[in-house]
All heavy atoms as atom14 arrays in JSON, in Angstrom:
{
  "sequence": "LPVVRLGPALGLGDAPDSADHPLNIVVVRADGARFALVVDEVHDSEEI",
  "atom14_mask": [
    [1, 1, 1, 1, 1, 1, 1, 1, 0, 0, 0, 0, 0, 0],
    [1, 1, 1, 1, 1, 1, 1, 0, 0, 0, 0, 0, 0, 0],
    [1, 1, 1, 1, 1, 1, 1, 0, 0, 0, 0, 0, 0, 0],
    [1, 1, 1, 1, 1, 1, 1, 0, 0, 0, 0, 0, 0, 0],
    [1, 1, 1, 1, 1, 1, 1, 1, 1, 1, 1, 0, 0, 0],
    [1, 1, 1, 1, 1, 1, 1, 1, 0, 0, 0, 0, 0, 0],
    [1, 1, 1, 1, 0, 0, 0, 0, 0, 0, 0, 0, 0, 0],
    [1, 1, 1, 1, 1, 1, 1, 0, 0, 0, 0, 0, 0, 0],
    [1, 1, 1, 1, 1, 0, 0, 0, 0, 0, 0, 0, 0, 0],
    [1, 1, 1, 1, 1, 1, 1, 1, 0, 0, 0, 0, 0, 0],
    [1, 1, 1, 1, 0, 0, 0, 0, 0, 0, 0, 0, 0, 0],
    [1, 1, 1, 1, 1, 1, 1, 1, 0, 0, 0, 0, 0, 0],
    [1, 1, 1, 1, 0, 0, 0, 0, 0, 0, 0, 0, 0, 0],
    [1, 1, 1, 1, 1, 1, 1, 1, 0, 0, 0, 0, 0, 0],
    [1, 1, 1, 1, 1, 0, 0, 0, 0, 0, 0, 0, 0, 0],
    [1, 1, 1, 1, 1, 1, 1, 0, 0, 0, 0, 0, 0, 0],
    [1, 1, 1, 1, 1, 1, 1, 1, 0, 0, 0, 0, 0, 0],
    [1, 1, 1, 1, 1, 1, 0, 0, 0, 0, 0, 0, 0, 0],
    [1, 1, 1, 1, 1, 0, 0, 0, 0, 0, 0, 0, 0, 0],
    [1, 1, 1, 1, 1, 1, 1, 1, 0, 0, 0, 0, 0, 0],
    [1, 1, 1, 1, 1, 1, 1, 1, 1, 1, 0, 0, 0, 0],
    [1, 1, 1, 1, 1, 1, 1, 0, 0, 0, 0, 0, 0, 0],
    [1, 1, 1, 1, 1, 1, 1, 1, 0, 0, 0, 0, 0, 0],
    [1, 1, 1, 1, 1, 1, 1, 1, 0, 0, 0, 0, 0, 0],
    [1, 1, 1, 1, 1, 1, 1, 1, 0, 0, 0, 0, 0, 0],
    [1, 1, 1, 1, 1, 1, 1, 0, 0, 0, 0, 0, 0, 0],
    [1, 1, 1, 1, 1, 1, 1, 0, 0, 0, 0, 0, 0, 0],
    [1, 1, 1, 1, 1, 1, 1, 0, 0, 0, 0, 0, 0, 0],
    [1, 1, 1, 1, 1, 1, 1, 1, 1, 1, 1, 0, 0, 0],
    [1, 1, 1, 1, 1, 0, 0, 0, 0, 0, 0, 0, 0, 0],
    [1, 1, 1, 1, 1, 1, 1, 1, 0, 0, 0, 0, 0, 0],
    [1, 1, 1, 1, 0, 0, 0, 0, 0, 0, 0, 0, 0, 0],
    [1, 1, 1, 1, 1, 0, 0, 0, 0, 0, 0, 0, 0, 0],
    [1, 1, 1, 1, 1, 1, 1, 1, 1, 1, 1, 0, 0, 0],
    [1, 1, 1, 1, 1, 1, 1, 1, 1, 1, 1, 0, 0, 0],
    [1, 1, 1, 1, 1, 0, 0, 0, 0, 0, 0, 0, 0, 0],
    [1, 1, 1, 1, 1, 1, 1, 1, 0, 0, 0, 0, 0, 0],
    [1, 1, 1, 1, 1, 1, 1, 0, 0, 0, 0, 0, 0, 0],
    [1, 1, 1, 1, 1, 1, 1, 0, 0, 0, 0, 0, 0, 0],
    [1, 1, 1, 1, 1, 1, 1, 1, 0, 0, 0, 0, 0, 0],
    [1, 1, 1, 1, 1, 1, 1, 1, 1, 0, 0, 0, 0, 0],
    [1, 1, 1, 1, 1, 1, 1, 0, 0, 0, 0, 0, 0, 0],
    [1, 1, 1, 1, 1, 1, 1, 1, 1, 1, 0, 0, 0, 0],
    [1, 1, 1, 1, 1, 1, 1, 1, 0, 0, 0, 0, 0, 0],
    [1, 1, 1, 1, 1, 1, 0, 0, 0, 0, 0, 0, 0, 0],
    [1, 1, 1, 1, 1, 1, 1, 1, 1, 0, 0, 0, 0, 0],
    [1, 1, 1, 1, 1, 1, 1, 1, 1, 0, 0, 0, 0, 0],
    [1, 1, 1, 1, 1, 1, 1, 1, 0, 0, 0, 0, 0, 0]
  ],
  "atom14_positions": [
    [[-16.77, -42.33, -5.94], [-15.9, -41.24, -5.52], [-14.46, -41.55, -5.9], [-13.97, -42.66, -5.63], [-15.99, -41.03, -4.0], [-17.35, -40.71, -3.41], [-17.24, -40.58, -1.9], [-17.94, -39.46, -4.02], [0.0, 0.0, 0.0], [0.0, 0.0, 0.0], [0.0, 0.0, 0.0], [0.0, 0.0, 0.0], [0.0, 0.0, 0.0], [0.0, 0.0, 0.0]],
    [[-13.76, -40.62, -6.52], [-12.33, -40.84, -6.79], [-11.58, -41.05, -5.47], [-11.91, -40.44, -4.45], [-11.88, -39.56, -7.49], [-13.14, -38.92, -7.98], [-14.22, -39.32, -7.02], [0.0, 0.0, 0.0], [0.0, 0.0, 0.0], [0.0, 0.0, 0.0], [0.0, 0.0, 0.0], [0.0, 0.0, 0.0], [0.0, 0.0, 0.0], [0.0, 0.0, 0.0]],
    [[-10.57, -41.89, -5.5], [-9.8, -42.22, -4.3], [-8.41, -41.58, -4.4], [-7.73, -41.7, -5.42], [-9.67, -43.74, -4.12], [-8.71, -44.07, -2.97], [-11.04, -44.36, -3.85], [0.0, 0.0, 0.0], [0.0, 0.0, 0.0], [0.0, 0.0, 0.0], [0.0, 0.0, 0.0], [0.0, 0.0, 0.0], [0.0, 0.0, 0.0], [0.0, 0.0, 0.0]],
    [[-8.04, -40.89, -3.34], [-6.69, -40.31, -3.22], [-6.07, -40.86, -1.96], [-6.59, -40.67, -0.86], [-6.73, -38.77, -3.16], [-5.33, -38.2, -2.96], [-7.36, -38.19, -4.42], [0.0, 0.0, 0.0], [0.0, 0.0, 0.0], [0.0, 0.0, 0.0], [0.0, 0.0, 0.0], [0.0, 0.0, 0.0], [0.0, 0.0, 0.0], [0.0, 0.0, 0.0]],
    [[-4.97, -41.57, -2.11], [-4.24, -42.09, -0.95], [-3.27, -41.02, -0.48], [-2.42, -40.57, -1.25], [-3.52, -43.39, -1.3], [-4.48, -44.52, -1.65], [-3.75, -45.84, -1.88], [-4.65, -46.91, -2.21], [-5.29, -47.67, -1.32], [-5.07, -47.48, -0.03], [-6.11, -48.63, -1.71], [0.0, 0.0, 0.0], [0.0, 0.0, 0.0], [0.0, 0.0, 0.0]],
    [[-3.42, -40.6, 0.78], [-2.67, -39.46, 1.28], [-1.17, -39.7, 1.24], [-0.39, -38.78, 0.92], [-3.12, -39.13, 2.7], [-2.51, -37.87, 3.32], [-2.81, -36.64, 2.47], [-3.02, -37.66, 4.74], [0.0, 0.0, 0.0], [0.0, 0.0, 0.0], [0.0, 0.0, 0.0], [0.0, 0.0, 0.0], [0.0, 0.0, 0.0], [0.0, 0.0, 0.0]],
    [[-0.73, -40.92, 1.57], [0.7, -41.21, 1.6], [1.38, -40.95, 0.26], [2.31, -40.13, 0.16], [0.0, 0.0, 0.0], [0.0, 0.0, 0.0], [0.0, 0.0, 0.0], [0.0, 0.0, 0.0], [0.0, 0.0, 0.0], [0.0, 0.0, 0.0], [0.0, 0.0, 0.0], [0.0, 0.0, 0.0], [0.0, 0.0, 0.0], [0.0, 0.0, 0.0]],
    [[0.95, -41.6, -0.83], [1.57, -41.33, -2.13], [1.38, -39.89, -2.59], [2.26, -39.33, -3.24], [0.85, -42.32, -3.06], [0.36, -43.41, -2.16], [0.02, -42.75, -0.88], [0.0, 0.0, 0.0], [0.0, 0.0, 0.0], [0.0, 0.0, 0.0], [0.0, 0.0, 0.0], [0.0, 0.0, 0.0], [0.0, 0.0, 0.0], [0.0, 0.0, 0.0]],
    [[0.23, -39.27, -2.27], [-0.01, -37.9, -2.71], [1.0, -36.93, -2.1], [1.37, -35.94, -2.73], [-1.43, -37.47, -2.37], [0.0, 0.0, 0.0], [0.0, 0.0, 0.0], [0.0, 0.0, 0.0], [0.0, 0.0, 0.0], [0.0, 0.0, 0.0], [0.0, 0.0, 0.0], [0.0, 0.0, 0.0], [0.0, 0.0, 0.0], [0.0, 0.0, 0.0]],
    [[1.44, -37.21, -0.88], [2.4, -36.34, -0.21], [3.84, -36.82, -0.37], [4.75, -36.23, 0.21], [2.07, -36.25, 1.29], [0.69, -35.7, 1.65], [0.53, -35.62, 3.16], [0.46, -34.33, 1.02], [0.0, 0.0, 0.0], [0.0, 0.0, 0.0], [0.0, 0.0, 0.0], [0.0, 0.0, 0.0], [0.0, 0.0, 0.0], [0.0, 0.0, 0.0]],
    [[4.03, -37.9, -1.16], [5.38, -38.41, -1.36], [5.9, -39.22, -0.19], [7.12, -39.39, -0.05], [0.0, 0.0, 0.0], [0.0, 0.0, 0.0], [0.0, 0.0, 0.0], [0.0, 0.0, 0.0], [0.0, 0.0, 0.0], [0.0, 0.0, 0.0], [0.0, 0.0, 0.0], [0.0, 0.0, 0.0], [0.0, 0.0, 0.0], [0.0, 0.0, 0.0]],
    [[4.99, -39.73, 0.65], [5.41, -40.51, 1.81], [5.39, -42.01, 1.55], [5.76, -42.78, 2.43], [4.49, -40.19, 3.01], [4.41, -38.72, 3.43], [3.42, -38.56, 4.57], [5.79, -38.23, 3.84], [0.0, 0.0, 0.0], [0.0, 0.0, 0.0], [0.0, 0.0, 0.0], [0.0, 0.0, 0.0], [0.0, 0.0, 0.0], [0.0, 0.0, 0.0]],
    [[4.94, -42.41, 0.37], [4.86, -43.83, 0.06], [3.55, -44.43, 0.54], [2.89, -43.9, 1.44], [0.0, 0.0, 0.0], [0.0, 0.0, 0.0], [0.0, 0.0, 0.0], [0.0, 0.0, 0.0], [0.0, 0.0, 0.0], [0.0, 0.0, 0.0], [0.0, 0.0, 0.0], [0.0, 0.0, 0.0], [0.0, 0.0, 0.0], [0.0, 0.0, 0.0]],
    [[3.17, -45.56, -0.07], [1.92, -46.21, 0.29], [2.15, -47.15, 1.47], [3.27, -47.62, 1.7], [1.36, -46.98, -0.91], [-0.14, -47.17, -0.79], [-0.7, -46.86, 0.28], [-0.76, -47.64, -1.77], [0.0, 0.0, 0.0], [0.0, 0.0, 0.0], [0.0, 0.0, 0.0], [0.0, 0.0, 0.0], [0.0, 0.0, 0.0], [0.0, 0.0, 0.0]],
    [[1.09, -47.42, 2.2], [1.17, -48.33, 3.34], [1.29, -49.76, 2.83], [0.7, -50.11, 1.8], [-0.05, -48.17, 4.24], [0.0, 0.0, 0.0], [0.0, 0.0, 0.0], [0.0, 0.0, 0.0], [0.0, 0.0, 0.0], [0.0, 0.0, 0.0], [0.0, 0.0, 0.0], [0.0, 0.0, 0.0], [0.0, 0.0, 0.0], [0.0, 0.0, 0.0]],
    [[2.03, -50.61, 3.53], [2.12, -52.02, 3.1], [0.76, -52.7, 3.22], [-0.02, -52.41, 4.14], [3.14, -52.61, 4.08], [3.12, -51.7, 5.27], [2.81, -50.33, 4.73], [0.0, 0.0, 0.0], [0.0, 0.0, 0.0], [0.0, 0.0, 0.0], [0.0, 0.0, 0.0], [0.0, 0.0, 0.0], [0.0, 0.0, 0.0], [0.0, 0.0, 0.0]],
    [[0.49, -53.58, 2.29], [-0.79, -54.31, 2.31], [-0.85, -55.19, 3.55], [0.09, -55.89, 3.9], [-0.94, -55.16, 1.06], [-1.09, -54.31, -0.2], [-1.55, -53.16, -0.07], [-0.72, -54.79, -1.28], [0.0, 0.0, 0.0], [0.0, 0.0, 0.0], [0.0, 0.0, 0.0], [0.0, 0.0, 0.0], [0.0, 0.0, 0.0], [0.0, 0.0, 0.0]],
    [[-1.96, -55.1, 4.23], [-2.16, -55.91, 5.43], [-3.64, -56.22, 5.57], [-4.48, -55.35, 5.38], [-1.65, -55.17, 6.68], [-1.95, -55.91, 7.84], [0.0, 0.0, 0.0], [0.0, 0.0, 0.0], [0.0, 0.0, 0.0], [0.0, 0.0, 0.0], [0.0, 0.0, 0.0], [0.0, 0.0, 0.0], [0.0, 0.0, 0.0], [0.0, 0.0, 0.0]],
    [[-3.92, -57.48, 5.88], [-5.31, -57.9, 6.04], [-5.82, -57.63, 7.45], [-6.97, -57.92, 7.76], [-5.45, -59.38, 5.72], [0.0, 0.0, 0.0], [0.0, 0.0, 0.0], [0.0, 0.0, 0.0], [0.0, 0.0, 0.0], [0.0, 0.0, 0.0], [0.0, 0.0, 0.0], [0.0, 0.0, 0.0], [0.0, 0.0, 0.0], [0.0, 0.0, 0.0]],
    [[-4.95, -57.07, 8.31], [-5.34, -56.87, 9.7], [-5.74, -55.43, 10.0], [-6.13, -55.13, 11.13], [-4.19, -57.26, 10.64], [-3.78, -58.73, 10.46], [-4.68, -59.53, 10.16], [-2.59, -59.03, 10.64], [0.0, 0.0, 0.0], [0.0, 0.0, 0.0], [0.0, 0.0, 0.0], [0.0, 0.0, 0.0], [0.0, 0.0, 0.0], [0.0, 0.0, 0.0]],
    [[-5.6, -54.54, 9.03], [-5.87, -53.13, 9.29], [-7.13, -52.69, 8.55], [-7.32, -53.04, 7.38], [-4.69, -52.26, 8.85], [-3.46, -52.48, 9.67], [-2.53, -53.43, 9.35], [-3.02, -51.87, 10.8], [-1.56, -53.41, 10.24], [-1.83, -52.47, 11.13], [0.0, 0.0, 0.0], [0.0, 0.0, 0.0], [0.0, 0.0, 0.0], [0.0, 0.0, 0.0]],
    [[-7.98, -51.92, 9.21], [-9.17, -51.39, 8.52], [-8.78, -50.29, 7.54], [-7.65, -49.78, 7.56], [-10.03, -50.85, 9.66], [-9.03, -50.48, 10.72], [-7.92, -51.48, 10.62], [0.0, 0.0, 0.0], [0.0, 0.0, 0.0], [0.0, 0.0, 0.0], [0.0, 0.0, 0.0], [0.0, 0.0, 0.0], [0.0, 0.0, 0.0], [0.0, 0.0, 0.0]],
    [[-9.72, -49.92, 6.71], [-9.51, -48.86, 5.73], [-10.23, -47.61, 6.24], [-11.44, -47.62, 6.44], [-10.06, -49.27, 4.37], [-9.76, -48.33, 3.19], [-8.27, -48.28, 2.9], [-10.53, -48.79, 1.94], [0.0, 0.0, 0.0], [0.0, 0.0, 0.0], [0.0, 0.0, 0.0], [0.0, 0.0, 0.0], [0.0, 0.0, 0.0], [0.0, 0.0, 0.0]],
    [[-9.47, -46.54, 6.48], [-10.03, -45.28, 6.98], [-10.13, -44.29, 5.85], [-9.13, -43.95, 5.22], [-9.15, -44.71, 8.1], [-9.11, -45.61, 9.31], [-10.13, -45.88, 9.94], [-7.92, -46.12, 9.65], [0.0, 0.0, 0.0], [0.0, 0.0, 0.0], [0.0, 0.0, 0.0], [0.0, 0.0, 0.0], [0.0, 0.0, 0.0], [0.0, 0.0, 0.0]],
    [[-11.35, -43.82, 5.59], [-11.61, -42.92, 4.48], [-12.24, -41.64, 5.03], [-13.19, -41.69, 5.82], [-12.54, -43.55, 3.42], [-11.84, -44.75, 2.76], [-12.95, -42.54, 2.38], [-12.72, -45.46, 1.75], [0.0, 0.0, 0.0], [0.0, 0.0, 0.0], [0.0, 0.0, 0.0], [0.0, 0.0, 0.0], [0.0, 0.0, 0.0], [0.0, 0.0, 0.0]],
    [[-11.68, -40.51, 4.61], [-12.27, -39.2, 4.92], [-12.86, -38.66, 3.62], [-12.13, -38.39, 2.67], [-11.22, -38.23, 5.48], [-11.88, -36.9, 5.83], [-10.54, -38.82, 6.7], [0.0, 0.0, 0.0], [0.0, 0.0, 0.0], [0.0, 0.0, 0.0], [0.0, 0.0, 0.0], [0.0, 0.0, 0.0], [0.0, 0.0, 0.0], [0.0, 0.0, 0.0]],
    [[-14.18, -38.55, 3.57], [-14.83, -38.0, 2.38], [-14.79, -36.48, 2.48], [-15.33, -35.9, 3.43], [-16.28, -38.5, 2.26], [-16.93, -37.94, 1.0], [-16.31, -40.03, 2.23], [0.0, 0.0, 0.0], [0.0, 0.0, 0.0], [0.0, 0.0, 0.0], [0.0, 0.0, 0.0], [0.0, 0.0, 0.0], [0.0, 0.0, 0.0], [0.0, 0.0, 0.0]],
    [[-14.12, -35.86, 1.52], [-13.93, -34.41, 1.56], [-14.51, -33.79, 0.3], [-14.75, -34.46, -0.71], [-12.44, -34.05, 1.71], [-11.91, -34.46, 3.06], [-11.61, -34.69, 0.61], [0.0, 0.0, 0.0], [0.0, 0.0, 0.0], [0.0, 0.0, 0.0], [0.0, 0.0, 0.0], [0.0, 0.0, 0.0], [0.0, 0.0, 0.0], [0.0, 0.0, 0.0]],
    [[-14.71, -32.46, 0.37], [-15.29, -31.72, -0.74], [-14.31, -30.64, -1.17], [-13.75, -29.92, -0.34], [-16.61, -31.08, -0.32], [-17.29, -30.28, -1.44], [-18.48, -29.5, -0.92], [-19.52, -30.37, -0.39], [-19.81, -30.47, 0.9], [-19.12, -29.76, 1.78], [-20.76, -31.26, 1.32], [0.0, 0.0, 0.0], [0.0, 0.0, 0.0], [0.0, 0.0, 0.0]],
    [[-14.11, -30.52, -2.49], [-13.21, -29.5, -3.04], [-13.81, -28.97, -4.32], [-14.0, -29.73, -5.28], [-11.82, -30.06, -3.29], [0.0, 0.0, 0.0], [0.0, 0.0, 0.0], [0.0, 0.0, 0.0], [0.0, 0.0, 0.0], [0.0, 0.0, 0.0], [0.0, 0.0, 0.0], [0.0, 0.0, 0.0], [0.0, 0.0, 0.0], [0.0, 0.0, 0.0]],
    [[-14.1, -27.64, -4.36], [-14.63, -27.0, -5.55], [-15.86, -27.72, -6.09], [-16.01, -27.93, -7.29], [-13.56, -26.92, -6.64], [-12.44, -25.97, -6.26], [-12.66, -25.15, -5.35], [-11.35, -26.05, -6.85], [0.0, 0.0, 0.0], [0.0, 0.0, 0.0], [0.0, 0.0, 0.0], [0.0, 0.0, 0.0], [0.0, 0.0, 0.0], [0.0, 0.0, 0.0]],
    [[-16.73, -28.17, -5.19], [-17.96, -28.83, -5.6], [-17.82, -30.31, -5.88], [-18.83, -30.99, -6.06], [0.0, 0.0, 0.0], [0.0, 0.0, 0.0], [0.0, 0.0, 0.0], [0.0, 0.0, 0.0], [0.0, 0.0, 0.0], [0.0, 0.0, 0.0], [0.0, 0.0, 0.0], [0.0, 0.0, 0.0], [0.0, 0.0, 0.0], [0.0, 0.0, 0.0]],
    [[-16.6, -30.83, -5.93], [-16.37, -32.25, -6.19], [-16.01, -32.96, -4.88], [-15.28, -32.42, -4.06], [-15.26, -32.43, -7.21], [0.0, 0.0, 0.0], [0.0, 0.0, 0.0], [0.0, 0.0, 0.0], [0.0, 0.0, 0.0], [0.0, 0.0, 0.0], [0.0, 0.0, 0.0], [0.0, 0.0, 0.0], [0.0, 0.0, 0.0], [0.0, 0.0, 0.0]],
    [[-16.53, -34.16, -4.72], [-16.22, -34.95, -3.53], [-15.27, -36.07, -3.91], [-15.35, -36.64, -5.01], [-17.49, -35.53, -2.91], [-18.46, -34.47, -2.41], [-19.46, -35.07, -1.43], [-20.21, -36.19, -2.0], [-21.03, -36.97, -1.3], [-21.19, -36.76, -0.02], [-21.67, -37.96, -1.9], [0.0, 0.0, 0.0], [0.0, 0.0, 0.0], [0.0, 0.0, 0.0]],
    [[-14.36, -36.41, -3.0], [-13.47, -37.54, -3.24], [-13.13, -38.19, -1.91], [-13.34, -37.61, -0.83], [-12.22, -37.15, -4.01], [-11.3, -36.2, -3.29], [-10.21, -36.66, -2.56], [-11.5, -34.83, -3.37], [-9.36, -35.79, -1.91], [-10.65, -33.95, -2.72], [-9.57, -34.43, -1.98], [0.0, 0.0, 0.0], [0.0, 0.0, 0.0], [0.0, 0.0, 0.0]],
    [[-12.62, -39.42, -1.98], [-12.31, -40.21, -0.79], [-10.81, -40.13, -0.52], [-10.0, -40.51, -1.36], [-12.74, -41.66, -0.99], [0.0, 0.0, 0.0], [0.0, 0.0, 0.0], [0.0, 0.0, 0.0], [0.0, 0.0, 0.0], [0.0, 0.0, 0.0], [0.0, 0.0, 0.0], [0.0, 0.0, 0.0], [0.0, 0.0, 0.0], [0.0, 0.0, 0.0]],
    [[-10.46, -39.61, 0.64], [-9.07, -39.47, 1.04], [-8.75, -40.6, 2.01], [-9.32, -40.68, 3.11], [-8.84, -38.11, 1.69], [-7.4, -37.76, 2.08], [-6.52, -37.66, 0.84], [-7.37, -36.44, 2.85], [0.0, 0.0, 0.0], [0.0, 0.0, 0.0], [0.0, 0.0, 0.0], [0.0, 0.0, 0.0], [0.0, 0.0, 0.0], [0.0, 0.0, 0.0]],
    [[-7.84, -41.49, 1.62], [-7.48, -42.65, 2.43], [-6.32, -42.28, 3.35], [-5.27, -41.82, 2.88], [-7.1, -43.85, 1.55], [-6.7, -45.05, 2.41], [-8.27, -44.23, 0.64], [0.0, 0.0, 0.0], [0.0, 0.0, 0.0], [0.0, 0.0, 0.0], [0.0, 0.0, 0.0], [0.0, 0.0, 0.0], [0.0, 0.0, 0.0], [0.0, 0.0, 0.0]],
    [[-6.5, -42.44, 4.65], [-5.49, -42.12, 5.65], [-5.24, -43.36, 6.5], [-6.0, -44.34, 6.45], [-5.92, -40.93, 6.53], [-6.15, -39.69, 5.67], [-7.18, -41.27, 7.31], [0.0, 0.0, 0.0], [0.0, 0.0, 0.0], [0.0, 0.0, 0.0], [0.0, 0.0, 0.0], [0.0, 0.0, 0.0], [0.0, 0.0, 0.0], [0.0, 0.0, 0.0]],
    [[-4.17, -43.32, 7.28], [-3.85, -44.46, 8.15], [-4.74, -44.49, 9.39], [-5.26, -45.54, 9.77], [-2.37, -44.4, 8.57], [-1.44, -44.62, 7.39], [-1.93, -44.99, 6.31], [-0.22, -44.41, 7.55], [0.0, 0.0, 0.0], [0.0, 0.0, 0.0], [0.0, 0.0, 0.0], [0.0, 0.0, 0.0], [0.0, 0.0, 0.0], [0.0, 0.0, 0.0]],
    [[-4.9, -43.33, 10.05], [-5.7, -43.27, 11.27], [-6.48, -41.96, 11.29], [-6.06, -40.97, 10.69], [-4.81, -43.34, 12.52], [-3.98, -44.6, 12.63], [-3.05, -44.54, 13.83], [-3.4, -43.86, 14.83], [-1.97, -45.15, 13.78], [0.0, 0.0, 0.0], [0.0, 0.0, 0.0], [0.0, 0.0, 0.0], [0.0, 0.0, 0.0], [0.0, 0.0, 0.0]],
    [[-7.6, -41.99, 12.0], [-8.41, -40.8, 12.22], [-8.48, -40.54, 13.71], [-8.87, -41.43, 14.49], [-9.83, -40.95, 11.63], [-10.66, -39.72, 11.94], [-9.76, -41.18, 10.13], [0.0, 0.0, 0.0], [0.0, 0.0, 0.0], [0.0, 0.0, 0.0], [0.0, 0.0, 0.0], [0.0, 0.0, 0.0], [0.0, 0.0, 0.0], [0.0, 0.0, 0.0]],
    [[-8.07, -39.34, 14.12], [-8.1, -38.97, 15.54], [-9.28, -38.02, 15.79], [-10.16, -37.85, 14.96], [-6.78, -38.32, 15.94], [-5.61, -39.25, 15.8], [-5.41, -40.34, 16.6], [-4.57, -39.26, 14.91], [-4.31, -40.98, 16.26], [-3.77, -40.34, 15.21], [0.0, 0.0, 0.0], [0.0, 0.0, 0.0], [0.0, 0.0, 0.0], [0.0, 0.0, 0.0]],
    [[-9.23, -37.37, 16.93], [-10.34, -36.48, 17.31], [-10.27, -35.16, 16.54], [-9.27, -34.84, 15.89], [-10.29, -36.2, 18.81], [-10.6, -37.44, 19.64], [-11.29, -38.33, 19.09], [-10.16, -37.52, 20.79], [0.0, 0.0, 0.0], [0.0, 0.0, 0.0], [0.0, 0.0, 0.0], [0.0, 0.0, 0.0], [0.0, 0.0, 0.0], [0.0, 0.0, 0.0]],
    [[-11.33, -34.37, 16.69], [-11.36, -33.01, 16.15], [-10.82, -32.06, 17.21], [-11.07, -32.24, 18.4], [-12.78, -32.61, 15.75], [-13.25, -33.45, 14.71], [0.0, 0.0, 0.0], [0.0, 0.0, 0.0], [0.0, 0.0, 0.0], [0.0, 0.0, 0.0], [0.0, 0.0, 0.0], [0.0, 0.0, 0.0], [0.0, 0.0, 0.0], [0.0, 0.0, 0.0]],
    [[-10.11, -31.04, 16.77], [-9.56, -30.04, 17.67], [-9.68, -28.67, 17.03], [-9.8, -28.56, 15.8], [-8.08, -30.32, 17.98], [-7.81, -31.61, 18.7], [-6.34, -31.78, 19.05], [-5.6, -30.76, 19.02], [-5.92, -32.92, 19.33], [0.0, 0.0, 0.0], [0.0, 0.0, 0.0], [0.0, 0.0, 0.0], [0.0, 0.0, 0.0], [0.0, 0.0, 0.0]],
    [[-9.66, -27.65, 17.85], [-9.58, -26.29, 17.35], [-8.11, -25.91, 17.29], [-7.4, -25.99, 18.29], [-10.35, -25.32, 18.24], [-11.86, -25.47, 18.12], [-12.6, -24.32, 18.76], [-11.97, -23.59, 19.56], [-13.79, -24.15, 18.45], [0.0, 0.0, 0.0], [0.0, 0.0, 0.0], [0.0, 0.0, 0.0], [0.0, 0.0, 0.0], [0.0, 0.0, 0.0]],
    [[-7.66, -25.5, 16.12], [-6.24, -25.22, 15.92], [-6.04, -23.77, 15.5], [-6.95, -23.14, 14.96], [-5.63, -26.16, 14.84], [-6.33, -25.94, 13.49], [-5.74, -27.61, 15.27], [-5.7, -26.7, 12.34], [0.0, 0.0, 0.0], [0.0, 0.0, 0.0], [0.0, 0.0, 0.0], [0.0, 0.0, 0.0], [0.0, 0.0, 0.0], [0.0, 0.0, 0.0]]
  ]
}
C-alpha cells in the first residue's frame, strides 16, 4: 500500500523520529485505490 504521511501532506511537517512511539496507520480507500495514511493518534468515532 502506498504510504501518505498526514503531517507533510498538509504542510505541518513530519513527526520527529522516536523509538518510543507506535506507528498508527489508517487504511483508506479513494477511487478504488487503497493507501496507508500515517497519523500521530487515532481517537474514537463520532457523528459529526
